[in-house]
Amino acid sequence: MPSLWVDADACPRIARDIIVRAAERTATPTTFVANHQVPLPPSKWVKGLAVSHGFDAADDEIVERLQPGDLVVTSDLPLAMAAIEHGASVMTSRGEALDKSNIRARVQMRDFMETLRASGEHTGGPKGYSDVDRREFANALDRWLAKNA
């Protein structure tokens, strides 16, 4: 049975709640990995893993532990690329699937935007997490679980 790995450092609380409910409903082993303790309800299927505070420590832990076929929930593009290279499925907390066909372009755009910001250009941040994002994520997660769990 595949497992869910959640990059919990930046996972919106609403998405976290959706993941917990889905893991309980489908009996899917799920681990929230962060560099701090993530508040989670007592569960047979859901656990938290706090890692050291080092740069990318949570990302490295996820990549080290995941198995091909697992799902990683993250918006961190370098983590997504590494997970894909290790055979995992990846989706953002907005329900967007990241895979071999789109990850390189997304990382290149991220790097380009980072270069713009470093040169003093104001590019703005990500939009807030909306009800549409919540619905898209819940639906995408349910589809993945129905197909893989």
N, C-alpha and C. Protein backbone atom coordinates (compact mmCIF):
# COMPACT_ATOMS: atom_id res chain seq x y z
N MET A 1 0.85 -1.18 0.00
CA MET A 1 0.00 0.00 0.00
C MET A 1 0.89 1.25 0.00
N PRO A 2 0.61 2.20 -0.88
CA PRO A 2 1.40 3.42 -0.89
C PRO A 2 1.14 4.27 0.36
N SER A 3 2.13 5.08 0.69
CA SER A 3 2.03 6.00 1.82
C SER A 3 1.94 7.43 1.32
N LEU A 4 1.44 8.30 2.17
CA LEU A 4 1.42 9.74 1.90
C LEU A 4 2.50 10.39 2.74
N TRP A 5 3.27 11.28 2.12
CA TRP A 5 4.30 12.06 2.78
C TRP A 5 3.94 13.52 2.58
N VAL A 6 3.85 14.26 3.67
CA VAL A 6 3.43 15.66 3.59
C VAL A 6 4.58 16.55 4.05
N ASP A 7 4.98 17.47 3.18
CA ASP A 7 5.95 18.50 3.54
C ASP A 7 5.16 19.51 4.38
N ALA A 8 5.16 19.29 5.68
CA ALA A 8 4.25 20.00 6.57
C ALA A 8 4.71 21.41 6.94
N ASP A 9 5.94 21.79 6.62
CA ASP A 9 6.42 23.11 7.00
C ASP A 9 5.56 24.23 6.40
N ALA A 10 5.06 24.04 5.20
CA ALA A 10 4.27 25.09 4.56
C ALA A 10 2.88 24.62 4.13
N CYS A 11 2.45 23.48 4.65
CA CYS A 11 1.14 22.94 4.28
C CYS A 11 0.05 23.72 5.01
N PRO A 12 -0.90 24.31 4.26
CA PRO A 12 -1.99 25.04 4.93
C PRO A 12 -2.78 24.12 5.87
N ARG A 13 -3.23 24.68 6.96
CA ARG A 13 -3.98 23.90 7.95
C ARG A 13 -5.21 23.23 7.34
N ILE A 14 -5.88 23.93 6.44
CA ILE A 14 -7.07 23.36 5.78
C ILE A 14 -6.68 22.10 5.02
N ALA A 15 -5.56 22.15 4.28
CA ALA A 15 -5.10 20.97 3.53
C ALA A 15 -4.70 19.86 4.49
N ARG A 16 -4.06 20.23 5.59
CA ARG A 16 -3.67 19.23 6.60
C ARG A 16 -4.90 18.50 7.12
N ASP A 17 -5.96 19.23 7.41
CA ASP A 17 -7.19 18.61 7.91
C ASP A 17 -7.80 17.67 6.87
N ILE A 18 -7.76 18.07 5.60
CA ILE A 18 -8.28 17.23 4.52
C ILE A 18 -7.48 15.93 4.44
N ILE A 19 -6.16 16.05 4.54
CA ILE A 19 -5.29 14.87 4.46
C ILE A 19 -5.56 13.92 5.61
N VAL A 20 -5.70 14.45 6.82
CA VAL A 20 -5.96 13.60 7.99
C VAL A 20 -7.27 12.84 7.82
N ARG A 21 -8.32 13.54 7.41
CA ARG A 21 -9.62 12.88 7.23
C ARG A 21 -9.54 11.79 6.15
N ALA A 22 -8.85 12.10 5.05
CA ALA A 22 -8.73 11.14 3.95
C ALA A 22 -7.91 9.92 4.38
N ALA A 23 -6.84 10.14 5.13
CA ALA A 23 -6.00 9.04 5.61
C ALA A 23 -6.80 8.11 6.53
N GLU A 24 -7.58 8.69 7.40
CA GLU A 24 -8.41 7.89 8.31
C GLU A 24 -9.47 7.11 7.53
N ARG A 25 -10.11 7.77 6.60
CA ARG A 25 -11.19 7.15 5.82
C ARG A 25 -10.68 5.99 4.97
N THR A 26 -9.46 6.12 4.44
CA THR A 26 -8.93 5.12 3.51
C THR A 26 -7.86 4.22 4.14
N ALA A 27 -7.59 4.41 5.42
CA ALA A 27 -6.57 3.63 6.13
C ALA A 27 -5.23 3.70 5.40
N THR A 28 -4.82 4.92 5.07
CA THR A 28 -3.57 5.15 4.35
C THR A 28 -2.51 5.67 5.30
N PRO A 29 -1.37 5.00 5.40
CA PRO A 29 -0.28 5.50 6.25
C PRO A 29 0.18 6.88 5.76
N THR A 30 0.17 7.84 6.66
CA THR A 30 0.47 9.22 6.31
C THR A 30 1.42 9.82 7.33
N THR A 31 2.46 10.48 6.84
CA THR A 31 3.44 11.11 7.72
C THR A 31 3.61 12.57 7.35
N PHE A 32 3.43 13.43 8.34
CA PHE A 32 3.67 14.87 8.19
C PHE A 32 5.09 15.14 8.68
N VAL A 33 5.95 15.62 7.79
CA VAL A 33 7.35 15.85 8.13
C VAL A 33 7.60 17.36 8.16
N ALA A 34 8.19 17.83 9.27
CA ALA A 34 8.47 19.26 9.43
C ALA A 34 9.65 19.44 10.36
N ASN A 35 10.16 20.65 10.40
CA ASN A 35 11.26 20.93 11.34
C ASN A 35 10.72 21.42 12.68
N HIS A 36 9.45 21.16 12.93
CA HIS A 36 8.80 21.46 14.21
C HIS A 36 7.69 20.42 14.41
N GLN A 37 7.19 20.35 15.61
CA GLN A 37 6.09 19.41 15.89
C GLN A 37 4.81 19.95 15.27
N VAL A 38 4.15 19.15 14.46
CA VAL A 38 2.90 19.54 13.81
C VAL A 38 1.75 19.00 14.66
N PRO A 39 0.79 19.86 15.02
CA PRO A 39 -0.35 19.36 15.81
C PRO A 39 -1.24 18.44 14.96
N LEU A 40 -1.36 17.20 15.42
CA LEU A 40 -2.16 16.20 14.72
C LEU A 40 -3.03 15.46 15.72
N PRO A 41 -4.19 15.00 15.28
CA PRO A 41 -5.05 14.23 16.20
C PRO A 41 -4.45 12.83 16.40
N PRO A 42 -4.79 12.18 17.51
CA PRO A 42 -4.34 10.80 17.70
C PRO A 42 -4.91 9.94 16.57
N SER A 43 -4.06 9.09 15.99
CA SER A 43 -4.51 8.30 14.86
C SER A 43 -3.61 7.09 14.67
N LYS A 44 -4.21 6.03 14.21
CA LYS A 44 -3.45 4.85 13.83
C LYS A 44 -2.74 5.06 12.50
N TRP A 45 -3.28 5.94 11.65
CA TRP A 45 -2.80 6.10 10.29
C TRP A 45 -1.97 7.35 10.05
N VAL A 46 -2.05 8.31 10.95
CA VAL A 46 -1.39 9.60 10.74
C VAL A 46 -0.37 9.84 11.84
N LYS A 47 0.84 10.21 11.44
CA LYS A 47 1.85 10.53 12.44
C LYS A 47 2.66 11.75 11.97
N GLY A 48 3.30 12.37 12.93
CA GLY A 48 4.17 13.50 12.64
C GLY A 48 5.62 13.09 12.86
N LEU A 49 6.49 13.69 12.10
CA LEU A 49 7.92 13.44 12.23
C LEU A 49 8.63 14.79 12.24
N ALA A 50 9.16 15.16 13.41
CA ALA A 50 9.91 16.41 13.52
C ALA A 50 11.39 16.09 13.27
N VAL A 51 11.99 16.86 12.36
CA VAL A 51 13.40 16.65 12.00
C VAL A 51 14.22 17.83 12.50
N SER A 52 15.53 17.73 12.34
CA SER A 52 16.40 18.83 12.77
C SER A 52 16.06 20.10 11.99
N HIS A 53 16.53 21.21 12.51
CA HIS A 53 16.20 22.50 11.91
C HIS A 53 17.10 22.88 10.75
N GLY A 54 17.88 21.98 10.25
CA GLY A 54 18.78 22.26 9.14
C GLY A 54 18.03 22.59 7.85
N PHE A 55 18.68 23.30 6.96
CA PHE A 55 18.10 23.68 5.68
C PHE A 55 17.73 22.42 4.91
N ASP A 56 16.50 22.31 4.48
CA ASP A 56 15.98 21.18 3.70
C ASP A 56 16.01 19.85 4.45
N ALA A 57 16.10 19.86 5.76
CA ALA A 57 16.14 18.60 6.53
C ALA A 57 14.85 17.80 6.33
N ALA A 58 13.70 18.47 6.34
CA ALA A 58 12.43 17.77 6.14
C ALA A 58 12.37 17.17 4.73
N ASP A 59 12.81 17.95 3.75
CA ASP A 59 12.80 17.46 2.37
C ASP A 59 13.68 16.22 2.23
N ASP A 60 14.88 16.30 2.79
CA ASP A 60 15.81 15.16 2.71
C ASP A 60 15.23 13.92 3.38
N GLU A 61 14.54 14.11 4.49
CA GLU A 61 13.95 12.97 5.22
C GLU A 61 12.85 12.32 4.39
N ILE A 62 12.04 13.13 3.75
CA ILE A 62 10.96 12.59 2.90
C ILE A 62 11.55 11.77 1.76
N VAL A 63 12.52 12.34 1.06
CA VAL A 63 13.13 11.65 -0.08
C VAL A 63 13.80 10.35 0.36
N GLU A 64 14.42 10.37 1.52
CA GLU A 64 15.10 9.17 2.02
C GLU A 64 14.12 8.06 2.35
N ARG A 65 12.93 8.41 2.85
CA ARG A 65 11.99 7.40 3.33
C ARG A 65 10.94 6.97 2.31
N LEU A 66 10.66 7.78 1.31
CA LEU A 66 9.57 7.43 0.39
C LEU A 66 9.91 6.22 -0.46
N GLN A 67 8.86 5.56 -0.91
CA GLN A 67 8.98 4.40 -1.78
C GLN A 67 8.32 4.74 -3.12
N PRO A 68 8.77 4.13 -4.21
CA PRO A 68 8.10 4.35 -5.49
C PRO A 68 6.60 4.08 -5.34
N GLY A 69 5.79 4.96 -5.90
CA GLY A 69 4.34 4.81 -5.81
C GLY A 69 3.71 5.61 -4.69
N ASP A 70 4.52 6.09 -3.73
CA ASP A 70 3.99 6.92 -2.66
C ASP A 70 3.56 8.27 -3.23
N LEU A 71 2.78 9.01 -2.44
CA LEU A 71 2.38 10.37 -2.81
C LEU A 71 3.05 11.36 -1.88
N VAL A 72 3.66 12.39 -2.45
CA VAL A 72 4.24 13.49 -1.68
C VAL A 72 3.39 14.72 -1.93
N VAL A 73 2.95 15.36 -0.86
CA VAL A 73 2.20 16.61 -0.97
C VAL A 73 3.15 17.74 -0.59
N THR A 74 3.47 18.58 -1.57
CA THR A 74 4.40 19.68 -1.36
C THR A 74 4.23 20.73 -2.43
N SER A 75 4.61 21.95 -2.10
CA SER A 75 4.70 23.01 -3.09
C SER A 75 6.16 23.39 -3.30
N ASP A 76 7.05 22.66 -2.66
CA ASP A 76 8.49 22.87 -2.77
C ASP A 76 8.96 22.17 -4.05
N LEU A 77 9.32 22.95 -5.06
CA LEU A 77 9.63 22.36 -6.36
C LEU A 77 10.89 21.50 -6.38
N PRO A 78 11.99 21.89 -5.71
CA PRO A 78 13.13 20.97 -5.67
C PRO A 78 12.79 19.64 -4.98
N LEU A 79 12.01 19.68 -3.91
CA LEU A 79 11.57 18.44 -3.27
C LEU A 79 10.71 17.64 -4.24
N ALA A 80 9.80 18.31 -4.93
CA ALA A 80 8.94 17.62 -5.89
C ALA A 80 9.77 16.92 -6.96
N MET A 81 10.79 17.61 -7.47
CA MET A 81 11.64 17.01 -8.51
C MET A 81 12.36 15.77 -7.97
N ALA A 82 12.91 15.87 -6.77
CA ALA A 82 13.61 14.73 -6.18
C ALA A 82 12.65 13.56 -5.94
N ALA A 83 11.44 13.85 -5.47
CA ALA A 83 10.46 12.79 -5.22
C ALA A 83 10.06 12.10 -6.53
N ILE A 84 9.86 12.89 -7.57
CA ILE A 84 9.50 12.33 -8.88
C ILE A 84 10.63 11.43 -9.39
N GLU A 85 11.86 11.89 -9.22
CA GLU A 85 13.01 11.10 -9.65
C GLU A 85 13.12 9.78 -8.89
N HIS A 86 12.55 9.73 -7.67
CA HIS A 86 12.55 8.50 -6.87
C HIS A 86 11.28 7.67 -7.07
N GLY A 87 10.45 8.06 -8.04
CA GLY A 87 9.28 7.24 -8.39
C GLY A 87 8.00 7.57 -7.65
N ALA A 88 7.96 8.68 -6.92
CA ALA A 88 6.75 9.06 -6.20
C ALA A 88 5.84 9.91 -7.08
N SER A 89 4.57 9.94 -6.74
CA SER A 89 3.64 10.90 -7.31
C SER A 89 3.74 12.16 -6.45
N VAL A 90 3.48 13.31 -7.05
CA VAL A 90 3.56 14.57 -6.30
C VAL A 90 2.35 15.42 -6.65
N MET A 91 1.78 16.04 -5.62
CA MET A 91 0.73 17.03 -5.84
C MET A 91 0.94 18.18 -4.86
N THR A 92 0.55 19.36 -5.30
CA THR A 92 0.64 20.52 -4.43
C THR A 92 -0.58 20.55 -3.51
N SER A 93 -0.55 21.41 -2.51
CA SER A 93 -1.68 21.53 -1.60
C SER A 93 -2.86 22.25 -2.26
N ARG A 94 -2.70 22.60 -3.53
CA ARG A 94 -3.79 23.17 -4.32
C ARG A 94 -4.35 22.13 -5.30
N GLY A 95 -3.83 20.89 -5.22
CA GLY A 95 -4.33 19.81 -6.04
C GLY A 95 -3.69 19.68 -7.41
N GLU A 96 -2.64 20.43 -7.65
CA GLU A 96 -1.97 20.38 -8.95
C GLU A 96 -0.98 19.22 -8.98
N ALA A 97 -1.09 18.37 -9.99
CA ALA A 97 -0.17 17.25 -10.14
C ALA A 97 1.14 17.75 -10.73
N LEU A 98 2.24 17.32 -10.14
CA LEU A 98 3.57 17.61 -10.68
C LEU A 98 4.16 16.28 -11.11
N ASP A 99 4.71 16.24 -12.32
CA ASP A 99 5.27 14.99 -12.83
C ASP A 99 6.42 15.29 -13.79
N LYS A 100 6.94 14.26 -14.42
CA LYS A 100 8.09 14.43 -15.31
C LYS A 100 7.80 15.38 -16.45
N SER A 101 6.54 15.51 -16.85
CA SER A 101 6.21 16.36 -17.99
C SER A 101 6.18 17.85 -17.66
N ASN A 102 6.08 18.21 -16.39
CA ASN A 102 5.96 19.63 -16.07
C ASN A 102 6.93 20.15 -14.99
N ILE A 103 7.64 19.28 -14.31
CA ILE A 103 8.44 19.73 -13.17
C ILE A 103 9.64 20.58 -13.59
N ARG A 104 10.31 20.22 -14.66
CA ARG A 104 11.50 20.99 -15.06
C ARG A 104 11.13 22.43 -15.43
N ALA A 105 10.07 22.60 -16.17
CA ALA A 105 9.63 23.94 -16.54
C ALA A 105 9.25 24.75 -15.30
N ARG A 106 8.60 24.11 -14.33
CA ARG A 106 8.22 24.81 -13.10
C ARG A 106 9.45 25.23 -12.30
N VAL A 107 10.46 24.35 -12.22
CA VAL A 107 11.68 24.69 -11.49
C VAL A 107 12.41 25.82 -12.21
N GLN A 108 12.46 25.79 -13.54
CA GLN A 108 13.12 26.86 -14.29
C GLN A 108 12.43 28.20 -14.07
N MET A 109 11.09 28.20 -14.05
CA MET A 109 10.35 29.44 -13.81
C MET A 109 10.62 29.93 -12.39
N ARG A 110 10.66 29.03 -11.44
CA ARG A 110 10.96 29.41 -10.06
C ARG A 110 12.33 30.06 -9.97
N ASP A 111 13.32 29.44 -10.61
CA ASP A 111 14.68 29.98 -10.60
C ASP A 111 14.73 31.36 -11.27
N PHE A 112 14.00 31.52 -12.37
CA PHE A 112 13.94 32.81 -13.06
C PHE A 112 13.34 33.88 -12.15
N MET A 113 12.23 33.55 -11.48
CA MET A 113 11.58 34.51 -10.58
C MET A 113 12.50 34.85 -9.40
N GLU A 114 13.25 33.88 -8.93
CA GLU A 114 14.20 34.12 -7.85
C GLU A 114 15.29 35.09 -8.30
N THR A 115 15.75 34.95 -9.53
CA THR A 115 16.75 35.86 -10.09
C THR A 115 16.17 37.27 -10.19
N LEU A 116 14.92 37.40 -10.63
CA LEU A 116 14.28 38.71 -10.69
C LEU A 116 14.21 39.35 -9.31
N ARG A 117 13.79 38.57 -8.32
CA ARG A 117 13.70 39.12 -6.95
C ARG A 117 15.06 39.55 -6.43
N ALA A 118 16.10 38.77 -6.75
CA ALA A 118 17.45 39.10 -6.30
C ALA A 118 17.95 40.40 -6.93
N SER A 119 17.43 40.73 -8.11
CA SER A 119 17.85 41.97 -8.77
C SER A 119 17.03 43.17 -8.32
N GLY A 120 16.11 42.95 -7.37
CA GLY A 120 15.33 44.05 -6.82
C GLY A 120 13.93 44.17 -7.37
N GLU A 121 13.57 43.31 -8.29
CA GLU A 121 12.23 43.33 -8.87
C GLU A 121 11.23 42.78 -7.86
N HIS A 122 10.11 43.48 -7.70
CA HIS A 122 9.06 43.01 -6.80
C HIS A 122 8.11 42.13 -7.62
N THR A 123 8.05 40.84 -7.29
CA THR A 123 7.24 39.91 -8.08
C THR A 123 5.98 39.46 -7.35
N GLY A 124 5.81 39.85 -6.10
CA GLY A 124 4.63 39.42 -5.34
C GLY A 124 4.79 37.99 -4.86
N GLY A 125 3.92 37.55 -4.01
CA GLY A 125 3.99 36.20 -3.48
C GLY A 125 2.84 35.36 -4.01
N PRO A 126 2.72 34.16 -3.49
CA PRO A 126 1.62 33.31 -3.94
C PRO A 126 0.28 33.85 -3.44
N LYS A 127 -0.76 33.56 -4.20
CA LYS A 127 -2.10 34.00 -3.79
C LYS A 127 -2.52 33.22 -2.55
N GLY A 128 -3.48 33.77 -1.81
CA GLY A 128 -3.98 33.10 -0.62
C GLY A 128 -4.68 31.80 -0.96
N TYR A 129 -4.81 30.94 0.04
CA TYR A 129 -5.45 29.63 -0.13
C TYR A 129 -6.97 29.84 -0.10
N SER A 130 -7.63 29.56 -1.21
CA SER A 130 -9.05 29.86 -1.35
C SER A 130 -9.92 28.61 -1.20
N ASP A 131 -11.22 28.81 -1.19
CA ASP A 131 -12.16 27.69 -1.17
C ASP A 131 -12.02 26.83 -2.43
N VAL A 132 -11.73 27.48 -3.55
CA VAL A 132 -11.51 26.73 -4.79
C VAL A 132 -10.28 25.84 -4.65
N ASP A 133 -9.19 26.39 -4.07
CA ASP A 133 -7.98 25.60 -3.84
C ASP A 133 -8.28 24.40 -2.94
N ARG A 134 -9.04 24.63 -1.89
CA ARG A 134 -9.41 23.57 -0.96
C ARG A 134 -10.17 22.46 -1.68
N ARG A 135 -11.17 22.85 -2.49
CA ARG A 135 -11.96 21.86 -3.23
C ARG A 135 -11.10 21.10 -4.24
N GLU A 136 -10.28 21.83 -4.98
CA GLU A 136 -9.41 21.18 -5.98
C GLU A 136 -8.47 20.18 -5.32
N PHE A 137 -7.91 20.56 -4.17
CA PHE A 137 -7.01 19.65 -3.48
C PHE A 137 -7.75 18.42 -2.97
N ALA A 138 -8.88 18.63 -2.31
CA ALA A 138 -9.65 17.50 -1.77
C ALA A 138 -10.05 16.54 -2.89
N ASN A 139 -10.50 17.07 -4.01
CA ASN A 139 -10.90 16.22 -5.13
C ASN A 139 -9.71 15.47 -5.72
N ALA A 140 -8.58 16.16 -5.90
CA ALA A 140 -7.39 15.51 -6.46
C ALA A 140 -6.88 14.42 -5.52
N LEU A 141 -6.88 14.69 -4.23
CA LEU A 141 -6.43 13.68 -3.25
C LEU A 141 -7.36 12.48 -3.26
N ASP A 142 -8.66 12.72 -3.29
CA ASP A 142 -9.63 11.61 -3.34
C ASP A 142 -9.43 10.77 -4.60
N ARG A 143 -9.20 11.41 -5.74
CA ARG A 143 -8.97 10.66 -6.98
C ARG A 143 -7.71 9.80 -6.86
N TRP A 144 -6.64 10.38 -6.30
CA TRP A 144 -5.39 9.62 -6.17
C TRP A 144 -5.60 8.44 -5.23
N LEU A 145 -6.25 8.67 -4.11
CA LEU A 145 -6.48 7.59 -3.15
C LEU A 145 -7.37 6.49 -3.72
N ALA A 146 -8.39 6.86 -4.48
CA ALA A 146 -9.27 5.86 -5.08
C ALA A 146 -8.50 5.00 -6.08
N LYS A 147 -7.57 5.59 -6.76
CA LYS A 147 -6.79 4.88 -7.78
C LYS A 147 -5.63 4.07 -7.18
N ASN A 148 -5.07 4.54 -6.06
CA ASN A 148 -3.82 3.96 -5.55
C ASN A 148 -3.91 3.30 -4.19
N ALA A 149 -4.89 3.61 -3.39
CA ALA A 149 -4.92 3.07 -2.02
C ALA A 149 -5.66 1.76 -1.94
